[in-house]
C-alpha atoms as a PDB file:
ATOM      1  CA  MET A   1      15.165  10.039  18.789  1.00  0.00           C
ATOM      2  CA  VAL A   2      13.816   8.160  15.758  1.00  0.00           C
ATOM      3  CA  ARG A   3      16.181   5.836  13.977  1.00  0.00           C
ATOM      4  CA  GLY A   4      15.684   6.542  10.272  1.00  0.00           C
ATOM      5  CA  VAL A   5      17.560   5.595   7.137  1.00  0.00           C
ATOM      6  CA  GLY A   6      20.909   7.139   6.289  1.00  0.00           C
ATOM      7  CA  ARG A   7      21.491   9.337   3.262  1.00  0.00           C
ATOM      8  CA  THR A   8      22.936   6.534   1.121  1.00  0.00           C
ATOM      9  CA  GLU A   9      20.191   4.115   2.065  1.00  0.00           C
ATOM     10  CA  GLY A  10      17.554   6.766   1.435  1.00  0.00           C
ATOM     11  CA  ILE A  11      18.922   7.497  -2.038  1.00  0.00           C
ATOM     12  CA  LEU A  12      18.971   3.766  -2.759  1.00  0.00           C
ATOM     13  CA  LEU A  13      15.341   3.318  -1.708  1.00  0.00           C
ATOM     14  CA  ALA A  14      14.195   6.361  -3.676  1.00  0.00           C
ATOM     15  CA  GLY A  15      16.163   5.094  -6.674  1.00  0.00           C
ATOM     16  CA  VAL A  16      14.436   1.715  -6.488  1.00  0.00           C
ATOM     17  CA  VAL A  17      11.016   3.374  -6.490  1.00  0.00           C
ATOM     18  CA  LEU A  18      11.919   5.644  -9.415  1.00  0.00           C
ATOM     19  CA  ALA A  19      13.322   2.713 -11.388  1.00  0.00           C
ATOM     20  CA  VAL A  20      10.188   0.640 -10.801  1.00  0.00           C
ATOM     21  CA  LEU A  21       7.996   3.589 -11.782  1.00  0.00           C
ATOM     22  CA  ALA A  22       9.929   4.082 -15.008  1.00  0.00           C
ATOM     23  CA  ALA A  23      10.017   0.397 -15.942  1.00  0.00           C
ATOM     24  CA  THR A  24       6.346  -0.274 -15.275  1.00  0.00           C
ATOM     25  CA  GLY A  25       5.222   3.002 -16.840  1.00  0.00           C
ATOM     26  CA  ILE A  26       7.080   2.320 -20.092  1.00  0.00           C
ATOM     27  CA  GLN A  27       5.683  -1.210 -20.327  1.00  0.00           C
ATOM     28  CA  ALA A  28       2.196  -0.459 -19.023  1.00  0.00           C
ATOM     29  CA  ARG A  29      -0.583  -2.219 -20.934  1.00  0.00           C
ATOM     30  CA  SER A  30      -2.949   0.657 -20.163  1.00  0.00           C
ATOM     31  CA  PRO A  31      -1.113   3.931 -19.384  1.00  0.00           C
ATOM     32  CA  GLY A  32      -4.274   5.513 -17.993  1.00  0.00           C
ATOM     33  CA  THR A  33      -4.885   2.639 -15.593  1.00  0.00           C
ATOM     34  CA  TRP A  34      -1.217   2.602 -14.607  1.00  0.00           C
ATOM     35  CA  LEU A  35      -1.383   6.294 -13.741  1.00  0.00           C
ATOM     36  CA  LEU A  36      -4.486   5.806 -11.604  1.00  0.00           C
ATOM     37  CA  GLU A  37      -2.824   2.953  -9.721  1.00  0.00           C
ATOM     38  CA  VAL A  38       0.535   4.670  -9.084  1.00  0.00           C
ATOM     39  CA  VAL A  39      -0.703   8.192  -8.353  1.00  0.00           C
ATOM     40  CA  TRP A  40      -0.221   7.505  -4.637  1.00  0.00           C
ATOM     41  CA  VAL A  41       3.436   6.690  -5.288  1.00  0.00           C
ATOM     42  CA  LEU A  42       3.839   9.870  -7.336  1.00  0.00           C
ATOM     43  CA  ILE A  43       2.411  11.871  -4.430  1.00  0.00           C
ATOM     44  CA  GLY A  44       4.019   9.933  -1.592  1.00  0.00           C
ATOM     45  CA  LEU A  45       7.647   9.833  -2.731  1.00  0.00           C
ATOM     46  CA  PRO A  46       8.086  13.636  -3.065  1.00  0.00           C
ATOM     47  CA  LEU A  47       6.248  14.103   0.240  1.00  0.00           C
ATOM     48  CA  VAL A  48       8.547  11.697   2.105  1.00  0.00           C
ATOM     49  CA  VAL A  49      11.614  13.355   0.580  1.00  0.00           C
ATOM     50  CA  ALA A  50      10.373  16.862   1.380  1.00  0.00           C
ATOM     51  CA  LEU A  51       9.689  15.968   5.021  1.00  0.00           C
ATOM     52  CA  ARG A  52      12.819  13.864   5.559  1.00  0.00           C
ATOM     53  CA  THR A  53      14.408  16.373   7.958  1.00  0.00           C
ATOM     54  CA  ARG A  54      11.273  17.562   9.783  1.00  0.00           C
ATOM     55  CA  PHE A  55       9.687  14.119  10.087  1.00  0.00           C
ATOM     56  CA  PRO A  56      12.214  11.376   9.281  1.00  0.00           C
ATOM     57  CA  LEU A  57      10.537   7.995   8.970  1.00  0.00           C
ATOM     58  CA  THR A  58      11.766   4.869  10.678  1.00  0.00           C
ATOM     59  CA  ARG A  59      13.783   2.411   8.620  1.00  0.00           C
ATOM     60  CA  LEU A  60      10.977  -0.132   8.925  1.00  0.00           C
ATOM     61  CA  LEU A  61       8.398   2.237   7.486  1.00  0.00           C
ATOM     62  CA  CYS A  62      10.690   3.341   4.651  1.00  0.00           C
ATOM     63  CA  TRP A  63      11.263  -0.236   3.503  1.00  0.00           C
ATOM     64  CA  LEU A  64       7.567  -1.075   3.802  1.00  0.00           C
ATOM     65  CA  LEU A  65       6.662   1.979   1.708  1.00  0.00           C
ATOM     66  CA  VAL A  66       9.031   0.780  -1.011  1.00  0.00           C
ATOM     67  CA  LEU A  67       7.345  -2.631  -0.909  1.00  0.00           C
ATOM     68  CA  HIS A  68       3.943  -0.978  -1.263  1.00  0.00           C
ATOM     69  CA  ALA A  69       5.171   1.132  -4.186  1.00  0.00           C
ATOM     70  CA  ILE A  70       6.419  -1.982  -5.998  1.00  0.00           C
ATOM     71  CA  VAL A  71       3.090  -3.758  -5.455  1.00  0.00           C
ATOM     72  CA  LEU A  72       1.153  -0.768  -6.828  1.00  0.00           C
ATOM     73  CA  CYS A  73       3.437  -0.276  -9.826  1.00  0.00           C
ATOM     74  CA  TYR A  74       3.386  -3.951 -10.781  1.00  0.00           C
ATOM     75  CA  GLY A  75      -0.392  -4.089 -10.521  1.00  0.00           C
ATOM     76  CA  GLY A  76      -0.688  -0.915 -12.569  1.00  0.00           C
ATOM     77  CA  GLN A  77       1.617  -2.211 -15.298  1.00  0.00           C
ATOM     78  CA  TYR A  78      -0.497  -5.258 -16.114  1.00  0.00           C
ATOM     79  CA  THR A  79      -3.789  -4.244 -14.467  1.00  0.00           C
ATOM     80  CA  TYR A  80      -4.463  -6.257 -11.345  1.00  0.00           C
ATOM     81  CA  ALA A  81      -6.603  -8.854 -13.099  1.00  0.00           C
ATOM     82  CA  GLU A  82      -3.828  -9.771 -15.567  1.00  0.00           C
ATOM     83  CA  THR A  83      -0.599  -9.800 -13.566  1.00  0.00           C
ATOM     84  CA  PRO A  84       1.661 -12.768 -14.472  1.00  0.00           C
ATOM     85  CA  ALA A  85       2.389 -13.457 -10.795  1.00  0.00           C
ATOM     86  CA  GLY A  86      -1.325 -13.654 -10.073  1.00  0.00           C
ATOM     87  CA  GLU A  87      -1.903 -15.911 -13.068  1.00  0.00           C
ATOM     88  CA  TRP A  88       0.864 -18.233 -11.894  1.00  0.00           C
ATOM     89  CA  VAL A  89      -0.747 -18.531  -8.460  1.00  0.00           C
ATOM     90  CA  GLN A  90      -4.133 -18.958 -10.124  1.00  0.00           C
ATOM     91  CA  HIS A  91      -2.908 -21.932 -12.155  1.00  0.00           C
ATOM     92  CA  TRP A  92      -0.997 -23.362  -9.203  1.00  0.00           C
ATOM     93  CA  LEU A  93      -3.988 -23.249  -6.857  1.00  0.00           C
ATOM     94  CA  GLY A  94      -6.621 -23.872  -9.530  1.00  0.00           C
ATOM     95  CA  THR A  95      -8.646 -20.786  -8.609  1.00  0.00           C
ATOM     96  CA  GLN A  96     -11.153 -19.109 -10.912  1.00  0.00           C
ATOM     97  CA  ARG A  97      -9.684 -15.620 -10.703  1.00  0.00           C
ATOM     98  CA  ASN A  98      -6.374 -13.796 -10.621  1.00  0.00           C
ATOM     99  CA  ASN A  99      -5.984 -12.955  -6.935  1.00  0.00           C
ATOM    100  CA  TYR A 100      -3.156 -10.426  -7.170  1.00  0.00           C
ATOM    101  CA  ASP A 101      -5.638  -7.706  -6.233  1.00  0.00           C
ATOM    102  CA  ARG A 102      -6.463  -9.661  -3.069  1.00  0.00           C
ATOM    103  CA  PHE A 103      -2.781  -9.651  -2.143  1.00  0.00           C
ATOM    104  CA  ALA A 104      -2.565  -5.930  -2.918  1.00  0.00           C
ATOM    105  CA  HIS A 105      -5.420  -5.203  -0.515  1.00  0.00           C
ATOM    106  CA  VAL A 106      -3.662  -7.119   2.253  1.00  0.00           C
ATOM    107  CA  ILE A 107      -0.667  -4.857   1.603  1.00  0.00           C
ATOM    108  CA  GLN A 108      -3.052  -1.877   1.673  1.00  0.00           C
ATOM    109  CA  GLY A 109      -3.524  -2.618   5.353  1.00  0.00           C
ATOM    110  CA  PHE A 110      -0.097  -4.096   6.105  1.00  0.00           C
ATOM    111  CA  VAL A 111       1.953  -1.010   5.172  1.00  0.00           C
ATOM    112  CA  PRO A 112      -0.342   1.888   6.157  1.00  0.00           C
ATOM    113  CA  ALA A 113      -0.776   0.306   9.601  1.00  0.00           C
ATOM    114  CA  ILE A 114       2.844   1.126  10.441  1.00  0.00           C
ATOM    115  CA  ALA A 115       2.543   4.605   8.896  1.00  0.00           C
ATOM    116  CA  VAL A 116      -0.568   5.382  10.933  1.00  0.00           C
ATOM    117  CA  ARG A 117       0.980   3.926  14.082  1.00  0.00           C
ATOM    118  CA  GLU A 118       4.079   6.055  13.596  1.00  0.00           C
ATOM    119  CA  VAL A 119       2.086   9.260  13.260  1.00  0.00           C
ATOM    120  CA  LEU A 120      -0.064   8.434  16.287  1.00  0.00           C
ATOM    121  CA  LEU A 121       2.927   7.685  18.494  1.00  0.00           C
ATOM    122  CA  ARG A 122       4.950  10.691  17.375  1.00  0.00           C
ATOM    123  CA  ARG A 123       2.285  13.360  17.033  1.00  0.00           C
ATOM    124  CA  THR A 124      -0.264  12.540  19.734  1.00  0.00           C
ATOM    125  CA  PRO A 125      -0.067  11.902  23.512  1.00  0.00           C
ATOM    126  CA  LEU A 126      -0.928   8.224  22.925  1.00  0.00           C
ATOM    127  CA  ARG A 127       1.490   5.524  24.031  1.00  0.00           C
ATOM    128  CA  PRO A 128       1.962   1.990  22.667  1.00  0.00           C
ATOM    129  CA  GLY A 129      -0.964  -0.177  23.640  1.00  0.00           C
ATOM    130  CA  GLY A 130      -4.530  -1.087  22.888  1.00  0.00           C
ATOM    131  CA  TRP A 131      -5.827   2.345  21.890  1.00  0.00           C
ATOM    132  CA  VAL A 132      -3.042   2.870  19.368  1.00  0.00           C
ATOM    133  CA  ALA A 133      -3.718  -0.539  17.852  1.00  0.00           C
ATOM    134  CA  PHE A 134      -7.475   0.056  17.747  1.00  0.00           C
ATOM    135  CA  LEU A 135      -7.181   3.496  16.167  1.00  0.00           C
ATOM    136  CA  THR A 136      -4.586   2.262  13.687  1.00  0.00           C
ATOM    137  CA  VAL A 137      -6.881  -0.486  12.448  1.00  0.00           C
ATOM    138  CA  CYS A 138      -9.816   1.950  12.284  1.00  0.00           C
ATOM    139  CA  VAL A 139      -7.840   4.412  10.153  1.00  0.00           C
ATOM    140  CA  CYS A 140      -6.704   1.617   7.827  1.00  0.00           C
ATOM    141  CA  LEU A 141     -10.325   0.519   7.380  1.00  0.00           C
ATOM    142  CA  ALA A 142     -11.318   4.122   6.681  1.00  0.00           C
ATOM    143  CA  ILE A 143      -8.595   4.318   4.019  1.00  0.00           C
ATOM    144  CA  ALA A 144      -9.847   1.067   2.481  1.00  0.00           C
ATOM    145  CA  ALA A 145     -13.414   2.383   2.420  1.00  0.00           C
ATOM    146  CA  SER A 146     -12.229   5.617   0.795  1.00  0.00           C
ATOM    147  CA  PHE A 147     -10.586   3.631  -1.987  1.00  0.00           C
ATOM    148  CA  GLU A 148     -13.839   1.774  -2.542  1.00  0.00           C
ATOM    149  CA  PHE A 149     -15.599   5.144  -2.878  1.00  0.00           C
ATOM    150  CA  VAL A 150     -13.042   6.131  -5.525  1.00  0.00           C
ATOM    151  CA  GLU A 151     -13.703   2.885  -7.397  1.00  0.00           C
ATOM    152  CA  TRP A 152     -17.456   3.455  -7.133  1.00  0.00           C
ATOM    153  CA  PHE A 153     -17.169   6.974  -8.565  1.00  0.00           C
ATOM    154  CA  SER A 154     -14.899   5.639 -11.328  1.00  0.00           C
ATOM    155  CA  ALA A 155     -17.498   3.041 -12.251  1.00  0.00           C
ATOM    156  CA  LEU A 156     -20.244   5.668 -12.309  1.00  0.00           C
ATOM    157  CA  ALA A 157     -18.172   8.026 -14.448  1.00  0.00           C
ATOM    158  CA  ALA A 158     -16.589   5.568 -16.882  1.00  0.00           C
ATOM    159  CA  GLY A 159     -18.945   2.591 -16.846  1.00  0.00           C
ATOM    160  CA  SER A 160     -17.316  -0.487 -18.386  1.00  0.00           C
ATOM    161  CA  GLY A 161     -14.283   1.646 -19.197  1.00  0.00           C
ATOM    162  CA  ALA A 162     -13.294   1.421 -15.533  1.00  0.00           C
ATOM    163  CA  ASP A 163     -13.116  -2.387 -15.529  1.00  0.00           C
ATOM    164  CA  ASP A 164      -9.307  -2.517 -15.657  1.00  0.00           C
ATOM    165  CA  PHE A 165      -9.060  -0.127 -12.725  1.00  0.00           C
ATOM    166  CA  LEU A 166     -11.726  -1.912 -10.664  1.00  0.00           C
ATOM    167  CA  ALA A 167     -10.417  -5.462 -11.309  1.00  0.00           C
ATOM    168  CA  THR A 168     -13.544  -6.991  -9.776  1.00  0.00           C
ATOM    169  CA  GLN A 169     -13.430  -9.922 -12.236  1.00  0.00           C
ATOM    170  CA  GLY A 170     -17.152 -10.445 -11.860  1.00  0.00           C
ATOM    171  CA  ASP A 171     -17.071 -10.867  -8.074  1.00  0.00           C
ATOM    172  CA  VAL A 172     -20.125  -9.172  -6.561  1.00  0.00           C
ATOM    173  CA  TRP A 173     -18.450  -9.292  -3.128  1.00  0.00           C
ATOM    174  CA  ASP A 174     -15.230  -7.665  -4.307  1.00  0.00           C
ATOM    175  CA  THR A 175     -15.730  -4.510  -2.228  1.00  0.00           C
ATOM    176  CA  GLN A 176     -16.308  -6.505   0.950  1.00  0.00           C
ATOM    177  CA  TRP A 177     -13.288  -8.721   0.258  1.00  0.00           C
ATOM    178  CA  ASP A 178     -11.100  -5.667  -0.285  1.00  0.00           C
ATOM    179  CA  MET A 179     -11.966  -4.164   3.084  1.00  0.00           C
ATOM    180  CA  VAL A 180     -11.731  -7.432   5.012  1.00  0.00           C
ATOM    181  CA  LEU A 181      -8.304  -8.178   3.543  1.00  0.00           C
ATOM    182  CA  CYS A 182      -7.110  -4.677   4.385  1.00  0.00           C
ATOM    183  CA  LEU A 183      -8.262  -5.287   7.962  1.00  0.00           C
ATOM    184  CA  CYS A 184      -6.378  -8.595   8.059  1.00  0.00           C
ATOM    185  CA  GLY A 185      -3.252  -6.939   6.671  1.00  0.00           C
ATOM    186  CA  ALA A 186      -3.352  -4.181   9.285  1.00  0.00           C
ATOM    187  CA  VAL A 187      -3.800  -6.597  12.189  1.00  0.00           C
ATOM    188  CA  LEU A 188      -1.070  -8.901  10.865  1.00  0.00           C
ATOM    189  CA  SER A 189       1.332  -5.993  10.479  1.00  0.00           C
ATOM    190  CA  LEU A 190       0.807  -4.850  14.058  1.00  0.00           C
ATOM    191  CA  LEU A 191       1.366  -8.372  15.344  1.00  0.00           C
ATOM    192  CA  ILE A 192       4.580  -8.791  13.341  1.00  0.00           C
ATOM    193  CA  TRP A 193       6.177  -5.352  13.548  1.00  0.00           C
ATOM    194  CA  ARG A 194       4.992  -3.758  16.804  1.00  0.00           C
ATOM    195  CA  ARG A 195       8.112  -4.475  18.853  1.00  0.00           C
ATOM    196  CA  VAL A 196      10.531  -3.730  16.012  1.00  0.00           C
ATOM    197  CA  HIS A 197       8.712  -0.481  15.373  1.00  0.00           C
ATOM    198  CA  ASP A 198       8.826   0.510  19.049  1.00  0.00           C
ATOM    199  CA  ARG A 199      12.593  -0.060  19.157  1.00  0.00           C
ATOM    200  CA  GLN A 200      13.189   2.091  16.092  1.00  0.00           C
ATOM    201  CA  LEU A 201      10.975   4.851  17.436  1.00  0.00           C
ATOM    202  CA  THR A 202      12.924   5.088  20.680  1.00  0.00           C
ATOM    203  CA  ALA A 203      16.449   4.252  19.503  1.00  0.00           C
ATOM    204  CA  GLY A 204      19.107   6.932  19.445  1.00  0.00           C
END
């Protein structure tokens, strides 16, 4: 039996996501860009709530999804290239660009890795081990590539108007960096959370 979050904890987590959505949406520098960045939160939260009895998520995955939602909302509020946290790190390290988007792409692998792993272990005959890890990383890379397709289509459709959404900051290797960092995030997540995740999946 999967150990998920309790009702009170679930309401708290959903409340945090809704509060962050509201706060960042109201203060968004570019409402259109904010909407594009948080659309996955707007889709994901109702889906998780609707499936909470048929497919309750582990506590680990629920908390990681909240983390991912906060990262997306914050990036959408300021646009990834202008986040204050990224600017602070930029000044601290003396880098030439705001690297918040780099961090966000690590999270793009770090959180979905546990979501993919959970689905594979609960809905397929696979058992914890090398194949689950390999397929999890492959799916995360496929997700990362799909996002790059979305950004490509946005650039074709909107031209320079998509700059805030793309946040490439003049880096011609931005697409490659995004996918590599997603890969690193997925691998890191599996290394950190695998045993915790296994315990929550099998705990009564």
